[in-house]
PDB file of N, CA and C in Angstrom:
ATOM      1  N   MET A   1       2.031   3.953  19.223  1.00  0.00           N
ATOM      2  CA  MET A   1       2.850   2.868  18.733  1.00  0.00           C
ATOM      3  C   MET A   1       4.218   3.440  18.362  1.00  0.00           C
ATOM      4  N   PRO A   2       5.308   2.826  18.849  1.00  0.00           N
ATOM      5  CA  PRO A   2       6.638   3.277  18.435  1.00  0.00           C
ATOM      6  C   PRO A   2       6.772   3.191  16.916  1.00  0.00           C
ATOM      7  N   ILE A   3       7.485   4.148  16.359  1.00  0.00           N
ATOM      8  CA  ILE A   3       7.537   4.285  14.906  1.00  0.00           C
ATOM      9  C   ILE A   3       8.117   3.065  14.190  1.00  0.00           C
ATOM     10  N   HIS A   4       9.025   2.328  14.834  1.00  0.00           N
ATOM     11  CA  HIS A   4       9.667   1.187  14.168  1.00  0.00           C
ATOM     12  C   HIS A   4       9.061  -0.160  14.558  1.00  0.00           C
ATOM     13  N   GLN A   5       8.038  -0.157  15.398  1.00  0.00           N
ATOM     14  CA  GLN A   5       7.412  -1.407  15.816  1.00  0.00           C
ATOM     15  C   GLN A   5       6.456  -1.897  14.733  1.00  0.00           C
ATOM     16  N   ARG A   6       6.622  -3.161  14.347  1.00  0.00           N
ATOM     17  CA  ARG A   6       5.715  -3.776  13.381  1.00  0.00           C
ATOM     18  C   ARG A   6       4.463  -4.220  14.116  1.00  0.00           C
ATOM     19  N   ARG A   7       3.323  -3.973  13.494  1.00  0.00           N
ATOM     20  CA  ARG A   7       2.048  -4.274  14.128  1.00  0.00           C
ATOM     21  C   ARG A   7       1.070  -4.780  13.072  1.00  0.00           C
ATOM     22  N   PRO A   8       0.201  -5.726  13.434  1.00  0.00           N
ATOM     23  CA  PRO A   8      -0.793  -6.215  12.464  1.00  0.00           C
ATOM     24  C   PRO A   8      -1.972  -5.248  12.334  1.00  0.00           C
ATOM     25  N   HIS A   9      -2.477  -5.123  11.117  1.00  0.00           N
ATOM     26  CA  HIS A   9      -3.668  -4.329  10.818  1.00  0.00           C
ATOM     27  C   HIS A   9      -4.570  -5.133   9.897  1.00  0.00           C
ATOM     28  N   LEU A  10      -5.842  -4.906  10.038  1.00  0.00           N
ATOM     29  CA  LEU A  10      -6.822  -5.466   9.117  1.00  0.00           C
ATOM     30  C   LEU A  10      -7.218  -4.342   8.175  1.00  0.00           C
ATOM     31  N   LEU A  11      -7.036  -4.543   6.881  1.00  0.00           N
ATOM     32  CA  LEU A  11      -7.387  -3.540   5.880  1.00  0.00           C
ATOM     33  C   LEU A  11      -8.475  -4.122   4.995  1.00  0.00           C
ATOM     34  N   ALA A  12      -9.557  -3.361   4.839  1.00  0.00           N
ATOM     35  CA  ALA A  12     -10.668  -3.790   3.984  1.00  0.00           C
ATOM     36  C   ALA A  12     -11.028  -2.636   3.060  1.00  0.00           C
ATOM     37  N   TYR A  13     -11.498  -2.959   1.866  1.00  0.00           N
ATOM     38  CA  TYR A  13     -11.854  -1.902   0.938  1.00  0.00           C
ATOM     39  C   TYR A  13     -13.102  -2.259   0.149  1.00  0.00           C
ATOM     40  N   ASP A  14     -13.768  -1.216  -0.322  1.00  0.00           N
ATOM     41  CA  ASP A  14     -14.925  -1.321  -1.207  1.00  0.00           C
ATOM     42  C   ASP A  14     -14.704  -0.263  -2.290  1.00  0.00           C
ATOM     43  N   ILE A  15     -14.366  -0.705  -3.478  1.00  0.00           N
ATOM     44  CA  ILE A  15     -13.990   0.185  -4.570  1.00  0.00           C
ATOM     45  C   ILE A  15     -15.057   0.113  -5.657  1.00  0.00           C
ATOM     46  N   ALA A  16     -15.571   1.271  -6.073  1.00  0.00           N
ATOM     47  CA  ALA A  16     -16.707   1.322  -6.996  1.00  0.00           C
ATOM     48  C   ALA A  16     -16.348   0.985  -8.439  1.00  0.00           C
ATOM     49  N   ASP A  17     -15.166   1.345  -8.891  1.00  0.00           N
ATOM     50  CA  ASP A  17     -14.782   1.169 -10.283  1.00  0.00           C
ATOM     51  C   ASP A  17     -13.917  -0.079 -10.445  1.00  0.00           C
ATOM     52  N   PRO A  18     -14.236  -0.967 -11.393  1.00  0.00           N
ATOM     53  CA  PRO A  18     -13.459  -2.204 -11.565  1.00  0.00           C
ATOM     54  C   PRO A  18     -11.969  -1.973 -11.840  1.00  0.00           C
ATOM     55  N   ARG A  19     -11.630  -0.953 -12.599  1.00  0.00           N
ATOM     56  CA  ARG A  19     -10.208  -0.688 -12.874  1.00  0.00           C
ATOM     57  C   ARG A  19      -9.473  -0.250 -11.611  1.00  0.00           C
ATOM     58  N   ARG A  20     -10.091   0.633 -10.849  1.00  0.00           N
ATOM     59  CA  ARG A  20      -9.469   1.052  -9.581  1.00  0.00           C
ATOM     60  C   ARG A  20      -9.401  -0.128  -8.616  1.00  0.00           C
ATOM     61  N   LEU A  21     -10.420  -0.975  -8.638  1.00  0.00           N
ATOM     62  CA  LEU A  21     -10.435  -2.148  -7.766  1.00  0.00           C
ATOM     63  C   LEU A  21      -9.215  -3.028  -8.018  1.00  0.00           C
ATOM     64  N   VAL A  22      -8.909  -3.281  -9.280  1.00  0.00           N
ATOM     65  CA  VAL A  22      -7.746  -4.107  -9.623  1.00  0.00           C
ATOM     66  C   VAL A  22      -6.465  -3.432  -9.138  1.00  0.00           C
ATOM     67  N   ARG A  23      -6.345  -2.133  -9.351  1.00  0.00           N
ATOM     68  CA  ARG A  23      -5.141  -1.412  -8.927  1.00  0.00           C
ATOM     69  C   ARG A  23      -4.985  -1.423  -7.410  1.00  0.00           C
ATOM     70  N   VAL A  24      -6.097  -1.218  -6.703  1.00  0.00           N
ATOM     71  CA  VAL A  24      -6.045  -1.254  -5.239  1.00  0.00           C
ATOM     72  C   VAL A  24      -5.650  -2.646  -4.764  1.00  0.00           C
ATOM     73  N   HIS A  25      -6.257  -3.676  -5.341  1.00  0.00           N
ATOM     74  CA  HIS A  25      -5.951  -5.051  -4.937  1.00  0.00           C
ATOM     75  C   HIS A  25      -4.465  -5.355  -5.133  1.00  0.00           C
ATOM     76  N   ARG A  26      -3.926  -5.010  -6.284  1.00  0.00           N
ATOM     77  CA  ARG A  26      -2.505  -5.266  -6.550  1.00  0.00           C
ATOM     78  C   ARG A  26      -1.605  -4.497  -5.587  1.00  0.00           C
ATOM     79  N   THR A  27      -1.966  -3.269  -5.284  1.00  0.00           N
ATOM     80  CA  THR A  27      -1.166  -2.450  -4.379  1.00  0.00           C
ATOM     81  C   THR A  27      -1.175  -3.030  -2.973  1.00  0.00           C
ATOM     82  N   VAL A  28      -2.352  -3.372  -2.467  1.00  0.00           N
ATOM     83  CA  VAL A  28      -2.442  -3.907  -1.104  1.00  0.00           C
ATOM     84  C   VAL A  28      -1.767  -5.270  -1.027  1.00  0.00           C
ATOM     85  N   ARG A  29      -1.871  -6.064  -2.076  1.00  0.00           N
ATOM     86  CA  ARG A  29      -1.239  -7.381  -2.109  1.00  0.00           C
ATOM     87  C   ARG A  29       0.278  -7.280  -1.943  1.00  0.00           C
ATOM     88  N   ASP A  30       0.876  -6.177  -2.388  1.00  0.00           N
ATOM     89  CA  ASP A  30       2.323  -5.977  -2.216  1.00  0.00           C
ATOM     90  C   ASP A  30       2.701  -5.742  -0.759  1.00  0.00           C
ATOM     91  N   TYR A  31       1.759  -5.323   0.057  1.00  0.00           N
ATOM     92  CA  TYR A  31       2.028  -5.002   1.461  1.00  0.00           C
ATOM     93  C   TYR A  31       1.471  -6.030   2.438  1.00  0.00           C
ATOM     94  N   GLY A  32       0.441  -6.744   2.031  1.00  0.00           N
ATOM     95  CA  GLY A  32      -0.227  -7.634   2.969  1.00  0.00           C
ATOM     96  C   GLY A  32      -0.634  -8.947   2.346  1.00  0.00           C
ATOM     97  N   LEU A  33      -1.286  -9.741   3.148  1.00  0.00           N
ATOM     98  CA  LEU A  33      -1.734 -11.061   2.712  1.00  0.00           C
ATOM     99  C   LEU A  33      -3.255 -11.102   2.715  1.00  0.00           C
ATOM    100  N   PRO A  34      -3.840 -11.624   1.647  1.00  0.00           N
ATOM    101  CA  PRO A  34      -5.304 -11.637   1.563  1.00  0.00           C
ATOM    102  C   PRO A  34      -5.918 -12.658   2.515  1.00  0.00           C
ATOM    103  N   LEU A  35      -6.922 -12.194   3.255  1.00  0.00           N
ATOM    104  CA  LEU A  35      -7.740 -13.095   4.056  1.00  0.00           C
ATOM    105  C   LEU A  35      -9.004 -13.441   3.277  1.00  0.00           C
ATOM    106  N   GLN A  36      -9.527 -12.457   2.570  1.00  0.00           N
ATOM    107  CA  GLN A  36     -10.599 -12.600   1.605  1.00  0.00           C
ATOM    108  C   GLN A  36     -10.250 -11.657   0.464  1.00  0.00           C
ATOM    109  N   TYR A  37     -11.074 -11.601  -0.586  1.00  0.00           N
ATOM    110  CA  TYR A  37     -10.663 -10.814  -1.749  1.00  0.00           C
ATOM    111  C   TYR A  37     -10.364  -9.356  -1.397  1.00  0.00           C
ATOM    112  N   SER A  38     -11.195  -8.718  -0.612  1.00  0.00           N
ATOM    113  CA  SER A  38     -10.969  -7.302  -0.302  1.00  0.00           C
ATOM    114  C   SER A  38     -10.658  -7.067   1.177  1.00  0.00           C
ATOM    115  N   VAL A  39     -10.146  -8.090   1.847  1.00  0.00           N
ATOM    116  CA  VAL A  39      -9.748  -7.990   3.250  1.00  0.00           C
ATOM    117  C   VAL A  39      -8.342  -8.556   3.376  1.00  0.00           C
ATOM    118  N   PHE A  40      -7.435  -7.745   3.936  1.00  0.00           N
ATOM    119  CA  PHE A  40      -6.030  -8.115   4.024  1.00  0.00           C
ATOM    120  C   PHE A  40      -5.502  -7.988   5.435  1.00  0.00           C
ATOM    121  N   LEU A  41      -4.539  -8.826   5.758  1.00  0.00           N
ATOM    122  CA  LEU A  41      -3.739  -8.687   6.964  1.00  0.00           C
ATOM    123  C   LEU A  41      -2.460  -7.978   6.534  1.00  0.00           C
ATOM    124  N   VAL A  42      -2.222  -6.802   7.094  1.00  0.00           N
ATOM    125  CA  VAL A  42      -1.035  -6.013   6.778  1.00  0.00           C
ATOM    126  C   VAL A  42      -0.241  -5.852   8.059  1.00  0.00           C
ATOM    127  N   VAL A  43       0.995  -6.300   8.046  1.00  0.00           N
ATOM    128  CA  VAL A  43       1.870  -6.166   9.204  1.00  0.00           C
ATOM    129  C   VAL A  43       2.993  -5.218   8.818  1.00  0.00           C
ATOM    130  N   GLY A  44       3.133  -4.154   9.578  1.00  0.00           N
ATOM    131  CA  GLY A  44       4.180  -3.205   9.255  1.00  0.00           C
ATOM    132  C   GLY A  44       4.288  -2.104  10.286  1.00  0.00           C
ATOM    133  N   THR A  45       5.266  -1.261  10.061  1.00  0.00           N
ATOM    134  CA  THR A  45       5.484  -0.116  10.928  1.00  0.00           C
ATOM    135  C   THR A  45       4.496   0.988  10.549  1.00  0.00           C
ATOM    136  N   ALA A  46       4.455   2.027  11.359  1.00  0.00           N
ATOM    137  CA  ALA A  46       3.607   3.175  11.036  1.00  0.00           C
ATOM    138  C   ALA A  46       4.016   3.756   9.684  1.00  0.00           C
ATOM    139  N   ARG A  47       5.308   3.777   9.402  1.00  0.00           N
ATOM    140  CA  ARG A  47       5.798   4.289   8.115  1.00  0.00           C
ATOM    141  C   ARG A  47       5.314   3.413   6.966  1.00  0.00           C
ATOM    142  N   ASP A  48       5.373   2.080   7.123  1.00  0.00           N
ATOM    143  CA  ASP A  48       4.881   1.166   6.089  1.00  0.00           C
ATOM    144  C   ASP A  48       3.414   1.453   5.776  1.00  0.00           C
ATOM    145  N   LEU A  49       2.625   1.621   6.829  1.00  0.00           N
ATOM    146  CA  LEU A  49       1.198   1.867   6.647  1.00  0.00           C
ATOM    147  C   LEU A  49       0.971   3.220   5.973  1.00  0.00           C
ATOM    148  N   ASP A  50       1.744   4.231   6.362  1.00  0.00           N
ATOM    149  CA  ASP A  50       1.629   5.541   5.723  1.00  0.00           C
ATOM    150  C   ASP A  50       1.957   5.458   4.233  1.00  0.00           C
ATOM    151  N   LEU A  51       3.001   4.702   3.879  1.00  0.00           N
ATOM    152  CA  LEU A  51       3.366   4.542   2.463  1.00  0.00           C
ATOM    153  C   LEU A  51       2.242   3.859   1.681  1.00  0.00           C
ATOM    154  N   LEU A  52       1.679   2.802   2.256  1.00  0.00           N
ATOM    155  CA  LEU A  52       0.586   2.091   1.600  1.00  0.00           C
ATOM    156  C   LEU A  52      -0.607   3.016   1.400  1.00  0.00           C
ATOM    157  N   LEU A  53      -0.987   3.736   2.444  1.00  0.00           N
ATOM    158  CA  LEU A  53      -2.161   4.608   2.341  1.00  0.00           C
ATOM    159  C   LEU A  53      -1.918   5.757   1.359  1.00  0.00           C
ATOM    160  N   ALA A  54      -0.687   6.234   1.274  1.00  0.00           N
ATOM    161  CA  ALA A  54      -0.362   7.277   0.290  1.00  0.00           C
ATOM    162  C   ALA A  54      -0.512   6.733  -1.134  1.00  0.00           C
ATOM    163  N   GLU A  55      -0.063   5.508  -1.354  1.00  0.00           N
ATOM    164  CA  GLU A  55      -0.240   4.893  -2.679  1.00  0.00           C
ATOM    165  C   GLU A  55      -1.716   4.730  -3.012  1.00  0.00           C
ATOM    166  N   LEU A  56      -2.491   4.266  -2.028  1.00  0.00           N
ATOM    167  CA  LEU A  56      -3.924   4.065  -2.259  1.00  0.00           C
ATOM    168  C   LEU A  56      -4.638   5.385  -2.488  1.00  0.00           C
ATOM    169  N   ASP A  57      -4.186   6.437  -1.809  1.00  0.00           N
ATOM    170  CA  ASP A  57      -4.797   7.753  -1.970  1.00  0.00           C
ATOM    171  C   ASP A  57      -4.652   8.267  -3.403  1.00  0.00           C
ATOM    172  N   ARG A  58      -3.579   7.853  -4.081  1.00  0.00           N
ATOM    173  CA  ARG A  58      -3.377   8.266  -5.470  1.00  0.00           C
ATOM    174  C   ARG A  58      -4.247   7.458  -6.443  1.00  0.00           C
ATOM    175  N   ILE A  59      -4.827   6.360  -5.968  1.00  0.00           N
ATOM    176  CA  ILE A  59      -5.626   5.484  -6.833  1.00  0.00           C
ATOM    177  C   ILE A  59      -7.125   5.730  -6.671  1.00  0.00           C
ATOM    178  N   ILE A  60      -7.574   5.868  -5.441  1.00  0.00           N
ATOM    179  CA  ILE A  60      -9.017   5.874  -5.183  1.00  0.00           C
ATOM    180  C   ILE A  60      -9.658   7.233  -5.437  1.00  0.00           C
ATOM    181  N   HIS A  61     -10.974   7.218  -5.500  1.00  0.00           N
ATOM    182  CA  HIS A  61     -11.795   8.427  -5.511  1.00  0.00           C
ATOM    183  C   HIS A  61     -12.522   8.455  -4.176  1.00  0.00           C
ATOM    184  N   PRO A  62     -12.159   9.367  -3.269  1.00  0.00           N
ATOM    185  CA  PRO A  62     -12.705   9.362  -1.912  1.00  0.00           C
ATOM    186  C   PRO A  62     -14.230   9.448  -1.824  1.00  0.00           C
ATOM    187  N   LYS A  63     -14.878  10.045  -2.811  1.00  0.00           N
ATOM    188  CA  LYS A  63     -16.338  10.149  -2.755  1.00  0.00           C
ATOM    189  C   LYS A  63     -17.032   8.869  -3.206  1.00  0.00           C
ATOM    190  N   GLU A  64     -16.290   7.970  -3.879  1.00  0.00           N
ATOM    191  CA  GLU A  64     -16.882   6.734  -4.393  1.00  0.00           C
ATOM    192  C   GLU A  64     -16.355   5.482  -3.718  1.00  0.00           C
ATOM    193  N   ASP A  65     -15.150   5.537  -3.187  1.00  0.00           N
ATOM    194  CA  ASP A  65     -14.481   4.351  -2.659  1.00  0.00           C
ATOM    195  C   ASP A  65     -14.322   4.450  -1.142  1.00  0.00           C
ATOM    196  N   ASP A  66     -14.096   3.297  -0.524  1.00  0.00           N
ATOM    197  CA  ASP A  66     -13.973   3.242   0.931  1.00  0.00           C
ATOM    198  C   ASP A  66     -12.848   2.281   1.294  1.00  0.00           C
ATOM    199  N   ILE A  67     -11.903   2.758   2.091  1.00  0.00           N
ATOM    200  CA  ILE A  67     -10.827   1.914   2.611  1.00  0.00           C
ATOM    201  C   ILE A  67     -10.823   2.074   4.121  1.00  0.00           C
ATOM    202  N   ARG A  68     -10.791   0.965   4.821  1.00  0.00           N
ATOM    203  CA  ARG A  68     -10.778   0.974   6.288  1.00  0.00           C
ATOM    204  C   ARG A  68      -9.564   0.202   6.784  1.00  0.00           C
ATOM    205  N   VAL A  69      -8.903   0.727   7.806  1.00  0.00           N
ATOM    206  CA  VAL A  69      -7.742   0.082   8.414  1.00  0.00           C
ATOM    207  C   VAL A  69      -7.991   0.003   9.913  1.00  0.00           C
ATOM    208  N   TYR A  70      -7.906  -1.215  10.447  1.00  0.00           N
ATOM    209  CA  TYR A  70      -8.140  -1.445  11.868  1.00  0.00           C
ATOM    210  C   TYR A  70      -6.891  -2.063  12.490  1.00  0.00           C
ATOM    211  N   PRO A  71      -6.296  -1.388  13.484  1.00  0.00           N
ATOM    212  CA  PRO A  71      -5.149  -2.003  14.157  1.00  0.00           C
ATOM    213  C   PRO A  71      -5.616  -3.223  14.961  1.00  0.00           C
ATOM    214  N   LEU A  72      -4.795  -4.246  14.953  1.00  0.00           N
ATOM    215  CA  LEU A  72      -5.093  -5.463  15.709  1.00  0.00           C
ATOM    216  C   LEU A  72      -4.127  -5.556  16.877  1.00  0.00           C
ATOM    217  N   PRO A  73      -4.525  -6.221  17.947  1.00  0.00           N
ATOM    218  CA  PRO A  73      -3.572  -6.426  19.051  1.00  0.00           C
ATOM    219  C   PRO A  73      -2.432  -7.329  18.600  1.00  0.00           C
ATOM    220  N   MET A  74      -1.318  -7.228  19.301  1.00  0.00           N
ATOM    221  CA  MET A  74      -0.144  -8.032  18.933  1.00  0.00           C
ATOM    222  C   MET A  74      -0.426  -9.524  19.062  1.00  0.00           C
ATOM    223  N   THR A  75      -1.239  -9.911  20.009  1.00  0.00           N
ATOM    224  CA  THR A  75      -1.675 -11.310  20.115  1.00  0.00           C
ATOM    225  C   THR A  75      -3.197 -11.312  20.042  1.00  0.00           C
ATOM    226  N   PHE A  76      -3.723 -12.169  19.220  1.00  0.00           N
ATOM    227  CA  PHE A  76      -5.169 -12.227  19.068  1.00  0.00           C
ATOM    228  C   PHE A  76      -5.584 -13.637  18.735  1.00  0.00           C
ATOM    229  N   ASP A  77      -6.836 -13.911  18.980  1.00  0.00           N
ATOM    230  CA  ASP A  77      -7.398 -15.204  18.647  1.00  0.00           C
ATOM    231  C   ASP A  77      -8.529 -14.950  17.665  1.00  0.00           C
ATOM    232  N   ALA A  78      -8.679 -15.811  16.711  1.00  0.00           N
ATOM    233  CA  ALA A  78      -9.708 -15.626  15.694  1.00  0.00           C
ATOM    234  C   ALA A  78     -10.328 -16.967  15.358  1.00  0.00           C
ATOM    235  N   ASP A  79     -11.562 -16.926  14.957  1.00  0.00           N
ATOM    236  CA  ASP A  79     -12.266 -18.114  14.499  1.00  0.00           C
ATOM    237  C   ASP A  79     -12.713 -17.881  13.072  1.00  0.00           C
ATOM    238  N   ALA A  80     -12.832 -18.952  12.320  1.00  0.00           N
ATOM    239  CA  ALA A  80     -13.317 -18.861  10.948  1.00  0.00           C
ATOM    240  C   ALA A  80     -14.323 -19.978  10.726  1.00  0.00           C
ATOM    241  N   TYR A  81     -15.280 -19.703   9.867  1.00  0.00           N
ATOM    242  CA  TYR A  81     -16.301 -20.679   9.538  1.00  0.00           C
ATOM    243  C   TYR A  81     -16.416 -20.745   8.027  1.00  0.00           C
ATOM    244  N   GLY A  82     -16.674 -21.901   7.504  1.00  0.00           N
ATOM    245  CA  GLY A  82     -16.835 -22.026   6.062  1.00  0.00           C
ATOM    246  C   GLY A  82     -15.527 -22.372   5.372  1.00  0.00           C
ATOM    247  N   ARG A  83     -15.504 -22.116   4.089  1.00  0.00           N
ATOM    248  CA  ARG A  83     -14.369 -22.454   3.243  1.00  0.00           C
ATOM    249  C   ARG A  83     -13.098 -21.770   3.744  1.00  0.00           C
ATOM    250  N   GLN A  84     -12.031 -22.528   3.864  1.00  0.00           N
ATOM    251  CA  GLN A  84     -10.752 -21.998   4.336  1.00  0.00           C
ATOM    252  C   GLN A  84      -9.729 -22.054   3.224  1.00  0.00           C
ATOM    253  N   TRP A  85      -8.881 -21.042   3.143  1.00  0.00           N
ATOM    254  CA  TRP A  85      -7.783 -21.045   2.191  1.00  0.00           C
ATOM    255  C   TRP A  85      -6.717 -20.101   2.699  1.00  0.00           C
ATOM    256  N   LEU A  86      -5.533 -20.330   2.255  1.00  0.00           N
ATOM    257  CA  LEU A  86      -4.412 -19.466   2.586  1.00  0.00           C
ATOM    258  C   LEU A  86      -3.715 -19.063   1.294  1.00  0.00           C
ATOM    259  N   PRO A  87      -3.037 -17.934   1.315  1.00  0.00           N
ATOM    260  CA  PRO A  87      -2.316 -17.524   0.110  1.00  0.00           C
ATOM    261  C   PRO A  87      -1.198 -18.502  -0.238  1.00  0.00           C
ATOM    262  N   ALA A  88      -0.779 -18.474  -1.477  1.00  0.00           N
ATOM    263  CA  ALA A  88       0.319 -19.324  -1.924  1.00  0.00           C
ATOM    264  C   ALA A  88       1.558 -19.055  -1.080  1.00  0.00           C
ATOM    265  N   GLY A  89       2.270 -20.109  -0.744  1.00  0.00           N
ATOM    266  CA  GLY A  89       3.497 -19.963   0.039  1.00  0.00           C
ATOM    267  C   GLY A  89       3.299 -20.173   1.523  1.00  0.00           C
ATOM    268  N   VAL A  90       2.051 -20.212   1.988  1.00  0.00           N
ATOM    269  CA  VAL A  90       1.779 -20.430   3.408  1.00  0.00           C
ATOM    270  C   VAL A  90       1.267 -21.848   3.565  1.00  0.00           C
ATOM    271  N   ASP A  91       2.114 -22.728   4.110  1.00  0.00           N
ATOM    272  CA  ASP A  91       1.758 -24.127   4.284  1.00  0.00           C
ATOM    273  C   ASP A  91       1.580 -24.428   5.758  1.00  0.00           C
ATOM    274  N   LEU A  92       0.497 -25.101   6.090  1.00  0.00           N
ATOM    275  CA  LEU A  92       0.188 -25.461   7.472  1.00  0.00           C
ATOM    276  C   LEU A  92      -0.273 -26.904   7.538  1.00  0.00           C
ATOM    277  N   PRO A  93      -0.088 -27.535   8.707  1.00  0.00           N
ATOM    278  CA  PRO A  93      -0.675 -28.864   8.881  1.00  0.00           C
ATOM    279  C   PRO A  93      -2.201 -28.770   8.828  1.00  0.00           C
ATOM    280  N   ALA A  94      -2.845 -29.847   8.470  1.00  0.00           N
ATOM    281  CA  ALA A  94      -4.307 -29.861   8.326  1.00  0.00           C
ATOM    282  C   ALA A  94      -5.028 -29.499   9.618  1.00  0.00           C
ATOM    283  N   ASP A  95      -4.423 -29.788  10.784  1.00  0.00           N
ATOM    284  CA  ASP A  95      -5.098 -29.522  12.052  1.00  0.00           C
ATOM    285  C   ASP A  95      -4.708 -28.171  12.662  1.00  0.00           C
ATOM    286  N   ALA A  96      -4.083 -27.290  11.899  1.00  0.00           N
ATOM    287  CA  ALA A  96      -3.660 -25.980  12.410  1.00  0.00           C
ATOM    288  C   ALA A  96      -4.886 -25.102  12.681  1.00  0.00           C
ATOM    289  N   SER A  97      -4.790 -24.303  13.726  1.00  0.00           N
ATOM    290  CA  SER A  97      -5.877 -23.379  14.054  1.00  0.00           C
ATOM    291  C   SER A  97      -5.775 -22.132  13.189  1.00  0.00           C
ATOM    292  N   LEU A  98      -6.828 -21.329  13.198  1.00  0.00           N
ATOM    293  CA  LEU A  98      -6.799 -20.083  12.441  1.00  0.00           C
ATOM    294  C   LEU A  98      -5.714 -19.154  12.999  1.00  0.00           C
ATOM    295  N   SER A  99      -5.526 -19.148  14.298  1.00  0.00           N
ATOM    296  CA  SER A  99      -4.478 -18.314  14.884  1.00  0.00           C
ATOM    297  C   SER A  99      -3.111 -18.721  14.357  1.00  0.00           C
ATOM    298  N   GLN A 100      -2.861 -20.027  14.252  1.00  0.00           N
ATOM    299  CA  GLN A 100      -1.595 -20.500  13.689  1.00  0.00           C
ATOM    300  C   GLN A 100      -1.478 -20.086  12.219  1.00  0.00           C
ATOM    301  N   ALA A 101      -2.590 -20.131  11.510  1.00  0.00           N
ATOM    302  CA  ALA A 101      -2.567 -19.711  10.107  1.00  0.00           C
ATOM    303  C   ALA A 101      -2.230 -18.226   9.995  1.00  0.00           C
ATOM    304  N   LEU A 102      -2.832 -17.421  10.856  1.00  0.00           N
ATOM    305  CA  LEU A 102      -2.547 -15.985  10.815  1.00  0.00           C
ATOM    306  C   LEU A 102      -1.089 -15.703  11.166  1.00  0.00           C
ATOM    307  N   LEU A 103      -0.550 -16.411  12.134  1.00  0.00           N
ATOM    308  CA  LEU A 103       0.859 -16.236  12.482  1.00  0.00           C
ATOM    309  C   LEU A 103       1.761 -16.626  11.312  1.00  0.00           C
ATOM    310  N   ALA A 104       1.408 -17.705  10.623  1.00  0.00           N
ATOM    311  CA  ALA A 104       2.178 -18.106   9.446  1.00  0.00           C
ATOM    312  C   ALA A 104       2.070 -17.051   8.348  1.00  0.00           C
ATOM    313  N   MET A 105       0.897 -16.461   8.210  1.00  0.00           N
ATOM    314  CA  MET A 105       0.721 -15.416   7.218  1.00  0.00           C
ATOM    315  C   MET A 105       1.547 -14.178   7.572  1.00  0.00           C
ATOM    316  N   VAL A 106       1.616 -13.840   8.848  1.00  0.00           N
ATOM    317  CA  VAL A 106       2.434 -12.708   9.289  1.00  0.00           C
ATOM    318  C   VAL A 106       3.897 -12.985   8.979  1.00  0.00           C
ATOM    319  N   ALA A 107       4.353 -14.201   9.246  1.00  0.00           N
ATOM    320  CA  ALA A 107       5.744 -14.559   8.956  1.00  0.00           C
ATOM    321  C   ALA A 107       6.020 -14.439   7.453  1.00  0.00           C
ATOM    322  N   GLU A 108       5.088 -14.884   6.626  1.00  0.00           N
ATOM    323  CA  GLU A 108       5.251 -14.770   5.173  1.00  0.00           C
ATOM    324  C   GLU A 108       5.263 -13.308   4.757  1.00  0.00           C
ATOM    325  N   GLN A 109       4.397 -12.500   5.350  1.00  0.00           N
ATOM    326  CA  GLN A 109       4.362 -11.080   5.024  1.00  0.00           C
ATOM    327  C   GLN A 109       5.670 -10.412   5.439  1.00  0.00           C
ATOM    328  N   ASP A 110       6.242 -10.822   6.568  1.00  0.00           N
ATOM    329  CA  ASP A 110       7.534 -10.292   7.008  1.00  0.00           C
ATOM    330  C   ASP A 110       8.623 -10.600   5.982  1.00  0.00           C
ATOM    331  N   LYS A 111       8.598 -11.820   5.440  1.00  0.00           N
ATOM    332  CA  LYS A 111       9.585 -12.187   4.406  1.00  0.00           C
ATOM    333  C   LYS A 111       9.424 -11.314   3.168  1.00  0.00           C
ATOM    334  N   ARG A 112       8.185 -11.080   2.769  1.00  0.00           N
ATOM    335  CA  ARG A 112       7.927 -10.253   1.593  1.00  0.00           C
ATOM    336  C   ARG A 112       8.367  -8.813   1.833  1.00  0.00           C
ATOM    337  N   ALA A 113       8.114  -8.293   3.047  1.00  0.00           N
ATOM    338  CA  ALA A 113       8.518  -6.921   3.372  1.00  0.00           C
ATOM    339  C   ALA A 113      10.029  -6.799   3.377  1.00  0.00           C
ATOM    340  N   ALA A 114      10.731  -7.797   3.903  1.00  0.00           N
ATOM    341  CA  ALA A 114      12.188  -7.767   3.930  1.00  0.00           C
ATOM    342  C   ALA A 114      12.741  -7.798   2.502  1.00  0.00           C
ATOM    343  N   ALA A 115      12.139  -8.602   1.643  1.00  0.00           N
ATOM    344  CA  ALA A 115      12.574  -8.666   0.251  1.00  0.00           C
ATOM    345  C   ALA A 115      12.312  -7.331  -0.450  1.00  0.00           C
ATOM    346  N   ARG A 116      11.158  -6.715  -0.159  1.00  0.00           N
ATOM    347  CA  ARG A 116      10.832  -5.419  -0.763  1.00  0.00           C
ATOM    348  C   ARG A 116      11.803  -4.346  -0.283  1.00  0.00           C
ATOM    349  N   ASP A 117      12.163  -4.365   1.020  1.00  0.00           N
ATOM    350  CA  ASP A 117      13.097  -3.392   1.580  1.00  0.00           C
ATOM    351  C   ASP A 117      14.503  -3.568   1.027  1.00  0.00           C
ATOM    352  N   ALA A 118      14.852  -4.814   0.657  1.00  0.00           N
ATOM    353  CA  ALA A 118      16.183  -5.081   0.117  1.00  0.00           C
ATOM    354  C   ALA A 118      16.349  -4.542  -1.301  1.00  0.00           C
ATOM    355  N   ASP A 119      15.228  -4.358  -2.007  1.00  0.00           N
ATOM    356  CA  ASP A 119      15.300  -3.863  -3.398  1.00  0.00           C
ATOM    357  C   ASP A 119      15.636  -2.395  -3.463  1.00  0.00           C
TER     358      ASP A 119
END
């Protein structure tokens, strides 16, 4: 992957300690959008992902905690079953597909990343 190309990733974690869990959740929330409580869509460059993982490395205990990052293709289709929700700030028509929701979430994450980079 070219170093400056933004790419979607699925990040999931299982953290043993409640205090570390809160810290990990807050840290990942700054970089990505929650799909479920411990599953996030993170869109960023290789450098963005390295920065996030470095922050998480300072929080977790590798023998007790587990963080997984899976690169996603640039275009993908997804299905969801059961209760649906989107993070605050992501508004979609009622008949929007999950793929449209994910694209809207990526756009929102891009806005958040641009705001973070401007600081």
